C-alpha atoms as a PDB file:
ATOM      1  CA  UNK A   1     -37.944 -31.917  -8.808  1.00  0.00           C
ATOM      2  CA  UNK A   2     -39.096 -28.793  -6.932  1.00  0.00           C
ATOM      3  CA  UNK A   3     -37.428 -25.496  -7.777  1.00  0.00           C
ATOM      4  CA  UNK A   4     -34.820 -24.058  -5.419  1.00  0.00           C
ATOM      5  CA  UNK A   5     -35.562 -20.884  -3.515  1.00  0.00           C
ATOM      6  CA  UNK A   6     -33.432 -17.792  -4.080  1.00  0.00           C
ATOM      7  CA  UNK A   7     -30.619 -17.405  -1.489  1.00  0.00           C
ATOM      8  CA  UNK A   8     -31.090 -14.337   0.699  1.00  0.00           C
ATOM      9  CA  UNK A   9     -29.393 -12.308   3.440  1.00  0.00           C
ATOM     10  CA  UNK A  10     -25.941 -12.514   1.852  1.00  0.00           C
ATOM     11  CA  UNK A  11     -23.188 -11.816   4.412  1.00  0.00           C
ATOM     12  CA  UNK A  12     -19.558 -10.949   3.609  1.00  0.00           C
ATOM     13  CA  UNK A  13     -17.125 -11.270   6.533  1.00  0.00           C
ATOM     14  CA  UNK A  14     -13.393 -11.522   7.337  1.00  0.00           C
ATOM     15  CA  UNK A  15     -12.394  -9.486   4.284  1.00  0.00           C
ATOM     16  CA  UNK A  16      -8.659  -9.175   3.534  1.00  0.00           C
ATOM     17  CA  UNK A  17      -6.790  -7.861   0.511  1.00  0.00           C
ATOM     18  CA  UNK A  18      -7.149 -11.216  -1.275  1.00  0.00           C
ATOM     19  CA  UNK A  19      -9.914 -13.227   0.424  1.00  0.00           C
ATOM     20  CA  UNK A  20     -13.314 -13.093   2.068  1.00  0.00           C
ATOM     21  CA  UNK A  21     -15.928 -15.334   3.639  1.00  0.00           C
ATOM     22  CA  UNK A  22     -19.442 -15.502   2.239  1.00  0.00           C
ATOM     23  CA  UNK A  23     -22.631 -16.941   3.716  1.00  0.00           C
ATOM     24  CA  UNK A  24     -26.363 -16.717   3.073  1.00  0.00           C
ATOM     25  CA  UNK A  25     -29.649 -18.116   4.242  1.00  0.00           C
ATOM     26  CA  UNK A  26     -31.641 -20.825   2.477  1.00  0.00           C
ATOM     27  CA  UNK A  27     -34.500 -23.087   3.463  1.00  0.00           C
ATOM     28  CA  UNK A  28     -33.844 -26.306   5.358  1.00  0.00           C
ATOM     29  CA  UNK A  29     -35.224 -28.251   2.410  1.00  0.00           C
ATOM     30  CA  UNK A  30     -32.858 -26.551  -0.045  1.00  0.00           C
ATOM     31  CA  UNK A  31     -29.860 -26.951   2.269  1.00  0.00           C
ATOM     32  CA  UNK A  32     -30.416 -30.689   2.438  1.00  0.00           C
ATOM     33  CA  UNK A  33     -30.220 -31.179  -1.335  1.00  0.00           C
ATOM     34  CA  UNK A  34     -27.979 -28.408  -2.701  1.00  0.00           C
ATOM     35  CA  UNK A  35     -24.776 -29.859  -4.174  1.00  0.00           C
ATOM     36  CA  UNK A  36     -23.081 -26.761  -5.613  1.00  0.00           C
ATOM     37  CA  UNK A  37     -22.785 -23.009  -5.238  1.00  0.00           C
ATOM     38  CA  UNK A  38     -22.368 -20.578  -8.148  1.00  0.00           C
ATOM     39  CA  UNK A  39     -20.731 -17.279  -7.153  1.00  0.00           C
ATOM     40  CA  UNK A  40     -20.539 -14.263  -9.452  1.00  0.00           C
ATOM     41  CA  UNK A  41     -17.981 -11.599  -8.514  1.00  0.00           C
ATOM     42  CA  UNK A  42     -17.482  -8.345 -10.431  1.00  0.00           C
ATOM     43  CA  UNK A  43     -15.616  -5.126  -9.842  1.00  0.00           C
ATOM     44  CA  UNK A  44     -18.140  -2.541  -8.757  1.00  0.00           C
ATOM     45  CA  UNK A  45     -17.222  -0.153 -11.559  1.00  0.00           C
ATOM     46  CA  UNK A  46     -18.216  -2.737 -14.176  1.00  0.00           C
ATOM     47  CA  UNK A  47     -21.757  -1.733 -15.171  1.00  0.00           C
ATOM     48  CA  UNK A  48     -22.616  -5.013 -16.875  1.00  0.00           C
ATOM     49  CA  UNK A  49     -21.609  -7.897 -14.560  1.00  0.00           C
ATOM     50  CA  UNK A  50     -20.525 -11.075 -16.290  1.00  0.00           C
ATOM     51  CA  UNK A  51     -23.752 -13.046 -15.912  1.00  0.00           C
ATOM     52  CA  UNK A  52     -24.599 -16.067 -18.043  1.00  0.00           C
ATOM     53  CA  UNK A  53     -27.870 -15.885 -19.929  1.00  0.00           C
ATOM     54  CA  UNK A  54     -29.022 -19.422 -19.187  1.00  0.00           C
ATOM     55  CA  UNK A  55     -30.001 -20.613 -15.732  1.00  0.00           C
ATOM     56  CA  UNK A  56     -28.377 -24.019 -16.193  1.00  0.00           C
ATOM     57  CA  UNK A  57     -24.858 -22.772 -17.092  1.00  0.00           C
ATOM     58  CA  UNK A  58     -22.344 -22.341 -14.227  1.00  0.00           C
ATOM     59  CA  UNK A  59     -21.157 -18.795 -13.516  1.00  0.00           C
ATOM     60  CA  UNK A  60     -17.589 -17.621 -12.686  1.00  0.00           C
ATOM     61  CA  UNK A  61     -17.055 -19.889  -9.702  1.00  0.00           C
ATOM     62  CA  UNK A  62     -18.578 -23.332  -9.286  1.00  0.00           C
ATOM     63  CA  UNK A  63     -17.936 -24.759  -5.838  1.00  0.00           C
ATOM     64  CA  UNK A  64     -19.129 -27.930  -4.206  1.00  0.00           C
ATOM     65  CA  UNK A  65     -21.483 -27.212  -1.348  1.00  0.00           C
ATOM     66  CA  UNK A  66     -19.679 -26.821   1.969  1.00  0.00           C
ATOM     67  CA  UNK A  67     -20.824 -25.591   5.391  1.00  0.00           C
ATOM     68  CA  UNK A  68     -21.257 -21.817   5.426  1.00  0.00           C
ATOM     69  CA  UNK A  69     -19.577 -19.396   5.713  1.00  0.00           C
ATOM     70  CA  UNK A  70     -17.390 -20.377   2.769  1.00  0.00           C
ATOM     71  CA  UNK A  71     -13.864 -19.009   2.419  1.00  0.00           C
ATOM     72  CA  UNK A  72     -13.144 -17.566  -1.027  1.00  0.00           C
ATOM     73  CA  UNK A  73      -9.409 -17.300  -1.651  1.00  0.00           C
ATOM     74  CA  UNK A  74      -7.375 -17.862  -4.779  1.00  0.00           C
ATOM     75  CA  UNK A  75     -10.374 -18.327  -7.055  1.00  0.00           C
ATOM     76  CA  UNK A  76      -9.955 -14.779  -8.395  1.00  0.00           C
ATOM     77  CA  UNK A  77      -7.004 -12.432  -8.447  1.00  0.00           C
ATOM     78  CA  UNK A  78      -8.515  -9.968  -5.979  1.00  0.00           C
ATOM     79  CA  UNK A  79      -6.987  -6.506  -5.770  1.00  0.00           C
ATOM     80  CA  UNK A  80      -6.564  -4.647  -2.475  1.00  0.00           C
ATOM     81  CA  UNK A  81      -8.745  -1.603  -1.737  1.00  0.00           C
ATOM     82  CA  UNK A  82     -11.138  -2.480  -4.555  1.00  0.00           C
ATOM     83  CA  UNK A  83     -14.926  -2.443  -4.480  1.00  0.00           C
ATOM     84  CA  UNK A  84     -16.656  -5.606  -5.678  1.00  0.00           C
ATOM     85  CA  UNK A  85     -20.222  -6.803  -6.099  1.00  0.00           C
ATOM     86  CA  UNK A  86     -21.183 -10.433  -5.498  1.00  0.00           C
ATOM     87  CA  UNK A  87     -24.269 -12.596  -5.863  1.00  0.00           C
ATOM     88  CA  UNK A  88     -24.906 -16.322  -5.545  1.00  0.00           C
ATOM     89  CA  UNK A  89     -27.012 -19.169  -6.859  1.00  0.00           C
ATOM     90  CA  UNK A  90     -27.502 -22.552  -5.293  1.00  0.00           C
ATOM     91  CA  UNK A  91     -27.673 -25.645  -7.481  1.00  0.00           C
ATOM     92  CA  UNK A  92     -28.424 -29.345  -7.499  1.00  0.00           C
ATOM     93  CA  UNK A  93     -26.424 -31.460  -9.939  1.00  0.00           C
ATOM     94  CA  UNK A  94     -28.743 -33.966 -11.562  1.00  0.00           C
ATOM     95  CA  UNK A  95     -27.956 -37.497 -12.823  1.00  0.00           C
ATOM     96  CA  UNK A  96     -27.696 -36.288 -16.413  1.00  0.00           C
ATOM     97  CA  UNK A  97     -25.016 -33.751 -15.425  1.00  0.00           C
ATOM     98  CA  UNK A  98     -27.282 -30.734 -15.775  1.00  0.00           C
ATOM     99  CA  UNK A  99     -27.927 -28.319 -12.911  1.00  0.00           C
ATOM    100  CA  UNK A 100     -31.164 -27.295 -11.297  1.00  0.00           C
ATOM    101  CA  UNK A 101     -30.436 -23.750 -10.092  1.00  0.00           C
ATOM    102  CA  UNK A 102     -32.088 -21.095  -7.993  1.00  0.00           C
ATOM    103  CA  UNK A 103     -32.580 -17.510  -9.066  1.00  0.00           C
ATOM    104  CA  UNK A 104     -29.672 -15.160  -8.457  1.00  0.00           C
ATOM    105  CA  UNK A 105     -29.577 -13.636  -5.009  1.00  0.00           C
ATOM    106  CA  UNK A 106     -29.521  -9.917  -4.408  1.00  0.00           C
ATOM    107  CA  UNK A 107     -26.211  -8.188  -5.214  1.00  0.00           C
ATOM    108  CA  UNK A 108     -24.035  -7.303  -2.219  1.00  0.00           C
ATOM    109  CA  UNK A 109     -21.109  -4.882  -2.380  1.00  0.00           C
ATOM    110  CA  UNK A 110     -17.905  -4.918  -0.342  1.00  0.00           C
ATOM    111  CA  UNK A 111     -14.377  -3.544  -0.484  1.00  0.00           C
ATOM    112  CA  UNK A 112     -11.191  -5.561  -0.083  1.00  0.00           C
ATOM    113  CA  UNK A 113      -8.642  -4.539   2.530  1.00  0.00           C
ATOM    114  CA  UNK A 114      -5.062  -3.272   2.652  1.00  0.00           C
ATOM    115  CA  UNK A 115      -1.903  -5.335   2.650  1.00  0.00           C
ATOM    116  CA  UNK A 116      -1.449  -7.061   5.989  1.00  0.00           C
ATOM    117  CA  UNK A 117       1.800  -7.198   7.928  1.00  0.00           C
ATOM    118  CA  UNK A 118       2.561 -10.529   6.224  1.00  0.00           C
ATOM    119  CA  UNK A 119       2.258  -8.973   2.762  1.00  0.00           C
ATOM    120  CA  UNK A 120       4.381  -5.974   3.749  1.00  0.00           C
ATOM    121  CA  UNK A 121       7.100  -8.261   5.073  1.00  0.00           C
ATOM    122  CA  UNK A 122       7.108 -10.015   1.685  1.00  0.00           C
ATOM    123  CA  UNK A 123       7.520  -6.633  -0.008  1.00  0.00           C
ATOM    124  CA  UNK A 124      10.266  -5.725   2.454  1.00  0.00           C
ATOM    125  CA  UNK A 125      12.185  -8.905   1.630  1.00  0.00           C
ATOM    126  CA  UNK A 126      11.985  -8.080  -2.072  1.00  0.00           C
ATOM    127  CA  UNK A 127      13.210  -4.546  -1.415  1.00  0.00           C
ATOM    128  CA  UNK A 128      16.099  -5.809   0.710  1.00  0.00           C
ATOM    129  CA  UNK A 129      17.330  -7.948  -2.186  1.00  0.00           C
ATOM    130  CA  UNK A 130      17.921  -4.906  -4.402  1.00  0.00           C
ATOM    131  CA  UNK A 131      18.803  -2.191  -1.858  1.00  0.00           C
ATOM    132  CA  UNK A 132      22.523  -2.382  -2.629  1.00  0.00           C
ATOM    133  CA  UNK A 133      25.433  -0.877  -0.771  1.00  0.00           C
ATOM    134  CA  UNK A 134      25.078   1.795   1.903  1.00  0.00           C
ATOM    135  CA  UNK A 135      26.388   5.338   1.399  1.00  0.00           C
ATOM    136  CA  UNK A 136      26.906   8.101   3.942  1.00  0.00           C
ATOM    137  CA  UNK A 137      24.587  11.100   4.081  1.00  0.00           C
ATOM    138  CA  UNK A 138      24.187  14.031   6.432  1.00  0.00           C
ATOM    139  CA  UNK A 139      20.952  15.835   5.519  1.00  0.00           C
ATOM    140  CA  UNK A 140      17.356  15.134   4.634  1.00  0.00           C
ATOM    141  CA  UNK A 141      16.019  17.431   1.916  1.00  0.00           C
ATOM    142  CA  UNK A 142      12.686  18.435   0.440  1.00  0.00           C
ATOM    143  CA  UNK A 143      12.162  20.192  -2.887  1.00  0.00           C
ATOM    144  CA  UNK A 144       9.167  22.408  -3.604  1.00  0.00           C
ATOM    145  CA  UNK A 145       8.305  25.564  -5.492  1.00  0.00           C
ATOM    146  CA  UNK A 146       8.968  28.936  -3.879  1.00  0.00           C
ATOM    147  CA  UNK A 147       5.226  29.472  -3.387  1.00  0.00           C
ATOM    148  CA  UNK A 148       5.047  26.477  -1.061  1.00  0.00           C
ATOM    149  CA  UNK A 149       7.678  27.837   1.312  1.00  0.00           C
ATOM    150  CA  UNK A 150       6.195  31.346   1.184  1.00  0.00           C
ATOM    151  CA  UNK A 151       2.828  29.874   2.175  1.00  0.00           C
ATOM    152  CA  UNK A 152       4.369  27.967   5.089  1.00  0.00           C
ATOM    153  CA  UNK A 153       5.987  31.189   6.294  1.00  0.00           C
ATOM    154  CA  UNK A 154       2.921  33.401   5.958  1.00  0.00           C
ATOM    155  CA  UNK A 155       0.123  30.984   6.887  1.00  0.00           C
ATOM    156  CA  UNK A 156       1.786  28.338   9.089  1.00  0.00           C
ATOM    157  CA  UNK A 157       4.240  30.413  11.146  1.00  0.00           C
ATOM    158  CA  UNK A 158       7.208  28.998   9.217  1.00  0.00           C
ATOM    159  CA  UNK A 159       6.352  25.380  10.068  1.00  0.00           C
ATOM    160  CA  UNK A 160       5.846  22.758   7.352  1.00  0.00           C
ATOM    161  CA  UNK A 161       2.655  20.833   8.040  1.00  0.00           C
ATOM    162  CA  UNK A 162       2.039  17.115   7.382  1.00  0.00           C
ATOM    163  CA  UNK A 163      -0.330  16.309   4.521  1.00  0.00           C
ATOM    164  CA  UNK A 164      -2.251  13.182   3.628  1.00  0.00           C
ATOM    165  CA  UNK A 165      -0.254  10.521   1.769  1.00  0.00           C
ATOM    166  CA  UNK A 166      -1.421  10.269  -1.842  1.00  0.00           C
ATOM    167  CA  UNK A 167      -2.212   7.045  -3.730  1.00  0.00           C
ATOM    168  CA  UNK A 168       1.215   6.522  -5.265  1.00  0.00           C
ATOM    169  CA  UNK A 169       2.916   3.161  -4.900  1.00  0.00           C
ATOM    170  CA  UNK A 170       1.333  -0.194  -4.172  1.00  0.00           C
ATOM    171  CA  UNK A 171      -2.445  -0.215  -4.360  1.00  0.00           C
ATOM    172  CA  UNK A 172      -2.634  -2.135  -1.086  1.00  0.00           C
ATOM    173  CA  UNK A 173      -0.401   0.176   0.940  1.00  0.00           C
ATOM    174  CA  UNK A 174      -2.072   0.860   4.302  1.00  0.00           C
ATOM    175  CA  UNK A 175      -0.647   4.401   4.481  1.00  0.00           C
ATOM    176  CA  UNK A 176      -2.162   5.733   1.227  1.00  0.00           C
ATOM    177  CA  UNK A 177      -4.914   8.192   2.054  1.00  0.00           C
ATOM    178  CA  UNK A 178      -4.565   7.501   5.792  1.00  0.00           C
ATOM    179  CA  UNK A 179      -1.167   8.664   7.077  1.00  0.00           C
ATOM    180  CA  UNK A 180      -0.197  12.332   7.318  1.00  0.00           C
ATOM    181  CA  UNK A 181       3.428  13.268   6.887  1.00  0.00           C
ATOM    182  CA  UNK A 182       6.065  15.343   5.134  1.00  0.00           C
ATOM    183  CA  UNK A 183       8.079  13.758   2.325  1.00  0.00           C
ATOM    184  CA  UNK A 184      11.847  13.976   2.464  1.00  0.00           C
ATOM    185  CA  UNK A 185      14.654  12.501   0.402  1.00  0.00           C
ATOM    186  CA  UNK A 186      18.149  11.529   1.503  1.00  0.00           C
ATOM    187  CA  UNK A 187      19.768   9.882  -1.525  1.00  0.00           C
ATOM    188  CA  UNK A 188      23.165  11.223  -2.497  1.00  0.00           C
ATOM    189  CA  UNK A 189      25.283  11.145  -5.630  1.00  0.00           C
ATOM    190  CA  UNK A 190      27.815   8.325  -5.617  1.00  0.00           C
ATOM    191  CA  UNK A 191      30.718  10.501  -6.774  1.00  0.00           C
ATOM    192  CA  UNK A 192      30.114  13.593  -4.599  1.00  0.00           C
ATOM    193  CA  UNK A 193      28.332  12.266  -1.520  1.00  0.00           C
ATOM    194  CA  UNK A 194      25.941  15.217  -1.848  1.00  0.00           C
ATOM    195  CA  UNK A 195      22.247  15.416  -2.751  1.00  0.00           C
ATOM    196  CA  UNK A 196      21.640  15.531  -6.524  1.00  0.00           C
ATOM    197  CA  UNK A 197      21.257  18.901  -8.237  1.00  0.00           C
ATOM    198  CA  UNK A 198      18.060  17.773  -9.983  1.00  0.00           C
ATOM    199  CA  UNK A 199      14.570  17.233  -8.594  1.00  0.00           C
ATOM    200  CA  UNK A 200      11.089  16.556 -10.002  1.00  0.00           C
ATOM    201  CA  UNK A 201       9.361  18.505  -7.239  1.00  0.00           C
ATOM    202  CA  UNK A 202      10.599  22.091  -7.500  1.00  0.00           C
ATOM    203  CA  UNK A 203      13.662  24.345  -7.753  1.00  0.00           C
ATOM    204  CA  UNK A 204      13.860  25.314  -4.064  1.00  0.00           C
ATOM    205  CA  UNK A 205      15.369  22.864  -1.587  1.00  0.00           C
ATOM    206  CA  UNK A 206      14.971  22.735   2.183  1.00  0.00           C
ATOM    207  CA  UNK A 207      17.819  20.862   3.900  1.00  0.00           C
ATOM    208  CA  UNK A 208      17.831  19.766   7.525  1.00  0.00           C
ATOM    209  CA  UNK A 209      20.549  17.897   9.449  1.00  0.00           C
ATOM    210  CA  UNK A 210      19.708  14.199   9.533  1.00  0.00           C
ATOM    211  CA  UNK A 211      19.756  14.045  13.326  1.00  0.00           C
ATOM    212  CA  UNK A 212      16.767  16.374  13.663  1.00  0.00           C
ATOM    213  CA  UNK A 213      14.493  13.742  12.117  1.00  0.00           C
ATOM    214  CA  UNK A 214      16.359  10.472  12.604  1.00  0.00           C
ATOM    215  CA  UNK A 215      17.482   9.814  16.167  1.00  0.00           C
ATOM    216  CA  UNK A 216      16.784   7.521  19.151  1.00  0.00           C
ATOM    217  CA  UNK A 217      13.535   9.430  19.789  1.00  0.00           C
ATOM    218  CA  UNK A 218      12.056   8.360  16.437  1.00  0.00           C
ATOM    219  CA  UNK A 219      10.919   4.971  15.150  1.00  0.00           C
ATOM    220  CA  UNK A 220      11.568   3.728  11.620  1.00  0.00           C
ATOM    221  CA  UNK A 221       9.043   1.713   9.597  1.00  0.00           C
ATOM    222  CA  UNK A 222       8.996   0.039   6.184  1.00  0.00           C
ATOM    223  CA  UNK A 223       5.921   1.112   4.186  1.00  0.00           C
ATOM    224  CA  UNK A 224       6.223   0.237   0.484  1.00  0.00           C
ATOM    225  CA  UNK A 225       8.322  -0.908  -2.480  1.00  0.00           C
ATOM    226  CA  UNK A 226       7.363  -0.063  -6.048  1.00  0.00           C
ATOM    227  CA  UNK A 227       8.389   1.147  -9.495  1.00  0.00           C
ATOM    228  CA  UNK A 228       6.693   3.173 -12.252  1.00  0.00           C
ATOM    229  CA  UNK A 229       7.428   1.243 -15.461  1.00  0.00           C
ATOM    230  CA  UNK A 230      11.100   2.273 -15.221  1.00  0.00           C
ATOM    231  CA  UNK A 231      14.327   0.737 -13.946  1.00  0.00           C
ATOM    232  CA  UNK A 232      14.144   2.899 -10.809  1.00  0.00           C
ATOM    233  CA  UNK A 233      12.718   1.314  -7.682  1.00  0.00           C
ATOM    234  CA  UNK A 234      11.386   3.254  -4.710  1.00  0.00           C
ATOM    235  CA  UNK A 235      11.301   2.287  -1.043  1.00  0.00           C
ATOM    236  CA  UNK A 236       8.951   4.235   1.225  1.00  0.00           C
ATOM    237  CA  UNK A 237       9.987   4.545   4.872  1.00  0.00           C
ATOM    238  CA  UNK A 238       8.249   6.315   7.753  1.00  0.00           C
ATOM    239  CA  UNK A 239       9.975   8.189  10.579  1.00  0.00           C
ATOM    240  CA  UNK A 240       7.661   8.806  13.535  1.00  0.00           C
ATOM    241  CA  UNK A 241       8.579  10.328  16.903  1.00  0.00           C
ATOM    242  CA  UNK A 242       8.067   7.752  19.654  1.00  0.00           C
ATOM    243  CA  UNK A 243       4.455   7.591  20.896  1.00  0.00           C
ATOM    244  CA  UNK A 244       3.279  10.257  18.464  1.00  0.00           C
ATOM    245  CA  UNK A 245      -0.006   9.795  16.600  1.00  0.00           C
ATOM    246  CA  UNK A 246       1.933   8.666  13.525  1.00  0.00           C
ATOM    247  CA  UNK A 247       3.926   6.181  15.582  1.00  0.00           C
ATOM    248  CA  UNK A 248       0.780   4.643  17.072  1.00  0.00           C
ATOM    249  CA  UNK A 249      -0.730   4.290  13.598  1.00  0.00           C
ATOM    250  CA  UNK A 250       2.406   2.758  12.057  1.00  0.00           C
ATOM    251  CA  UNK A 251       2.895   0.334  14.914  1.00  0.00           C
ATOM    252  CA  UNK A 252      -0.482  -1.207  14.083  1.00  0.00           C
ATOM    253  CA  UNK A 253       0.123  -1.865  10.384  1.00  0.00           C
ATOM    254  CA  UNK A 254       3.773  -1.470   9.301  1.00  0.00           C
ATOM    255  CA  UNK A 255       6.922  -3.549   9.966  1.00  0.00           C
ATOM    256  CA  UNK A 256       9.317  -1.723  12.275  1.00  0.00           C
ATOM    257  CA  UNK A 257      12.987  -1.546  11.302  1.00  0.00           C
ATOM    258  CA  UNK A 258      16.020  -1.464  13.567  1.00  0.00           C
ATOM    259  CA  UNK A 259      17.425   2.031  12.875  1.00  0.00           C
ATOM    260  CA  UNK A 260      20.971   0.817  13.504  1.00  0.00           C
ATOM    261  CA  UNK A 261      20.771  -2.361  11.420  1.00  0.00           C
ATOM    262  CA  UNK A 262      18.696  -2.549   8.245  1.00  0.00           C
ATOM    263  CA  UNK A 263      19.510  -2.348   4.504  1.00  0.00           C
ATOM    264  CA  UNK A 264      17.711   0.966   3.827  1.00  0.00           C
ATOM    265  CA  UNK A 265      18.430   3.729   6.337  1.00  0.00           C
ATOM    266  CA  UNK A 266      20.639   3.601   9.431  1.00  0.00           C
ATOM    267  CA  UNK A 267      22.505   5.626  11.992  1.00  0.00           C
ATOM    268  CA  UNK A 268      25.440   4.563  14.149  1.00  0.00           C
ATOM    269  CA  UNK A 269      25.258   5.673  17.768  1.00  0.00           C
ATOM    270  CA  UNK A 270      28.511   7.462  18.653  1.00  0.00           C
ATOM    271  CA  UNK A 271      30.692   5.877  21.301  1.00  0.00           C
ATOM    272  CA  UNK A 272      31.654   9.215  22.885  1.00  0.00           C
ATOM    273  CA  UNK A 273      29.830  12.497  23.506  1.00  0.00           C
ATOM    274  CA  UNK A 274      32.200  14.307  21.169  1.00  0.00           C
ATOM    275  CA  UNK A 275      31.618  11.961  18.220  1.00  0.00           C
ATOM    276  CA  UNK A 276      28.837  12.472  15.650  1.00  0.00           C
ATOM    277  CA  UNK A 277      26.386   9.768  14.523  1.00  0.00           C
ATOM    278  CA  UNK A 278      27.033   8.299  11.080  1.00  0.00           C
ATOM    279  CA  UNK A 279      24.013   8.158   8.778  1.00  0.00           C
ATOM    280  CA  UNK A 280      23.751   5.802   5.793  1.00  0.00           C
ATOM    281  CA  UNK A 281      21.213   5.211   3.007  1.00  0.00           C
ATOM    282  CA  UNK A 282      20.758   2.440   0.435  1.00  0.00           C
ATOM    283  CA  UNK A 283      22.333   3.344  -2.885  1.00  0.00           C
ATOM    284  CA  UNK A 284      20.431   1.186  -5.388  1.00  0.00           C
ATOM    285  CA  UNK A 285      16.891   2.314  -4.512  1.00  0.00           C
ATOM    286  CA  UNK A 286      15.335   5.764  -4.241  1.00  0.00           C
ATOM    287  CA  UNK A 287      14.209   6.360  -0.663  1.00  0.00           C
ATOM    288  CA  UNK A 288      11.048   8.325   0.077  1.00  0.00           C
ATOM    289  CA  UNK A 289      11.049   9.155   3.782  1.00  0.00           C
ATOM    290  CA  UNK A 290       7.848  10.360   5.434  1.00  0.00           C
ATOM    291  CA  UNK A 291       8.221  12.294   8.692  1.00  0.00           C
ATOM    292  CA  UNK A 292       4.900  12.308  10.531  1.00  0.00           C
ATOM    293  CA  UNK A 293       5.184  15.565  12.513  1.00  0.00           C
ATOM    294  CA  UNK A 294       5.446  19.285  11.609  1.00  0.00           C
ATOM    295  CA  UNK A 295       8.954  20.565  10.829  1.00  0.00           C
ATOM    296  CA  UNK A 296      10.014  24.175  11.376  1.00  0.00           C
ATOM    297  CA  UNK A 297      11.901  25.882   8.572  1.00  0.00           C
ATOM    298  CA  UNK A 298      14.179  27.434  11.192  1.00  0.00           C
ATOM    299  CA  UNK A 299      15.887  24.053  11.718  1.00  0.00           C
ATOM    300  CA  UNK A 300      17.265  23.983   8.181  1.00  0.00           C
ATOM    301  CA  UNK A 301      18.263  26.047   5.161  1.00  0.00           C
ATOM    302  CA  UNK A 302      16.614  26.993   1.860  1.00  0.00           C
ATOM    303  CA  UNK A 303      18.524  27.177  -1.415  1.00  0.00           C
ATOM    304  CA  UNK A 304      17.781  27.007  -5.119  1.00  0.00           C
ATOM    305  CA  UNK A 305      19.108  23.951  -6.934  1.00  0.00           C
ATOM    306  CA  UNK A 306      21.126  24.353 -10.111  1.00  0.00           C
ATOM    307  CA  UNK A 307      19.819  21.364 -12.066  1.00  0.00           C
ATOM    308  CA  UNK A 308      16.664  20.525 -14.002  1.00  0.00           C
ATOM    309  CA  UNK A 309      13.330  19.538 -12.472  1.00  0.00           C
ATOM    310  CA  UNK A 310      13.075  16.107 -14.156  1.00  0.00           C
ATOM    311  CA  UNK A 311       9.279  15.997 -13.939  1.00  0.00           C
ATOM    312  CA  UNK A 312       9.219  12.461 -15.360  1.00  0.00           C
ATOM    313  CA  UNK A 313      10.618  11.196 -12.034  1.00  0.00           C
ATOM    314  CA  UNK A 314       7.792  12.632  -9.946  1.00  0.00           C
ATOM    315  CA  UNK A 315       5.977   9.969  -7.933  1.00  0.00           C
ATOM    316  CA  UNK A 316       2.898  12.080  -7.126  1.00  0.00           C
ATOM    317  CA  UNK A 317      -0.070   9.678  -7.420  1.00  0.00           C
ATOM    318  CA  UNK A 318       2.154   7.399  -9.514  1.00  0.00           C
ATOM    319  CA  UNK A 319       0.750   3.990 -10.404  1.00  0.00           C
ATOM    320  CA  UNK A 320       2.827   0.925  -9.649  1.00  0.00           C
ATOM    321  CA  UNK A 321       3.862  -1.309 -12.539  1.00  0.00           C
ATOM    322  CA  UNK A 322       1.800  -4.474 -11.934  1.00  0.00           C
ATOM    323  CA  UNK A 323       4.004  -6.587 -14.228  1.00  0.00           C
ATOM    324  CA  UNK A 324       7.343  -5.962 -12.493  1.00  0.00           C
ATOM    325  CA  UNK A 325       8.630  -9.196 -10.978  1.00  0.00           C
ATOM    326  CA  UNK A 326      11.096  -7.313  -8.768  1.00  0.00           C
ATOM    327  CA  UNK A 327       8.587  -5.360  -6.657  1.00  0.00           C
ATOM    328  CA  UNK A 328       5.291  -7.273  -6.827  1.00  0.00           C
ATOM    329  CA  UNK A 329       4.103 -10.030  -4.539  1.00  0.00           C
ATOM    330  CA  UNK A 330       1.654 -12.824  -5.274  1.00  0.00           C
ATOM    331  CA  UNK A 331      -1.492 -11.016  -4.104  1.00  0.00           C
ATOM    332  CA  UNK A 332      -3.095  -7.867  -5.520  1.00  0.00           C
ATOM    333  CA  UNK A 333      -1.010  -5.067  -6.949  1.00  0.00           C
END
């Protein structure tokens, strides 16, 4: 039997966080007799791809020949935002069960995508199941070192500037490395109703009335749910002023929450002009709230906290626990 030609012009299309389509070109003669495809997928950082030494031994994926492009989903546990390399062989299964195979194609590289809205809604449902009761709060707060606030005063006219979201949390989060914002907290102590005296981020705390950031002129989005090998679970929310750049970005990739009715962060619109809104936060998760616009220090107050810094609770570039059944979904971590 004549040898098969090497597949060429490998094309990767319709890439998601856990699937892709692959196609290639082969001669009409080969296409008419090929019975199987062998596909070898490796993480790009792996220097020695898992190739078999013998031409007649199937590689990582053996698939019956189907019309191209071929959807690849569920054959590997693909991770979001991960670079892979892929190559293919074509094969003819012979009567004795052995395979006549082509040479390996060229290696093509691609990167998987972020979580889609469907995946984020799955994460949101998991977060809702553990959010717990709602407690009142009145301020958002942000802890930093004194040098940070001095820099904002001297170099930024007293206005805190948004910075790029780091890579903490779920690896597939669409806001990591793409969304600019300012991190705030709002969790309170159960017994006092006040913010905790401890913080992992610095001894100086900026507090701002909740209504400055969370009001009918802002939209609320769910962004992530994760833990760091501890019992604590974190929910990341985004507050974006309506029609701002951050709002436009979030609308395209994050689930929007009803600010008056959700299990994480709410306000109650007062019935009279004299009444104040009531703000509530989930008690059983730690909320990380990202506000997407600059915030002037003149709208709040600065004070030193009396507690410890608890550096072990810092989430800066923290890696999500991939084994936690509470906060992981069935695709990549």
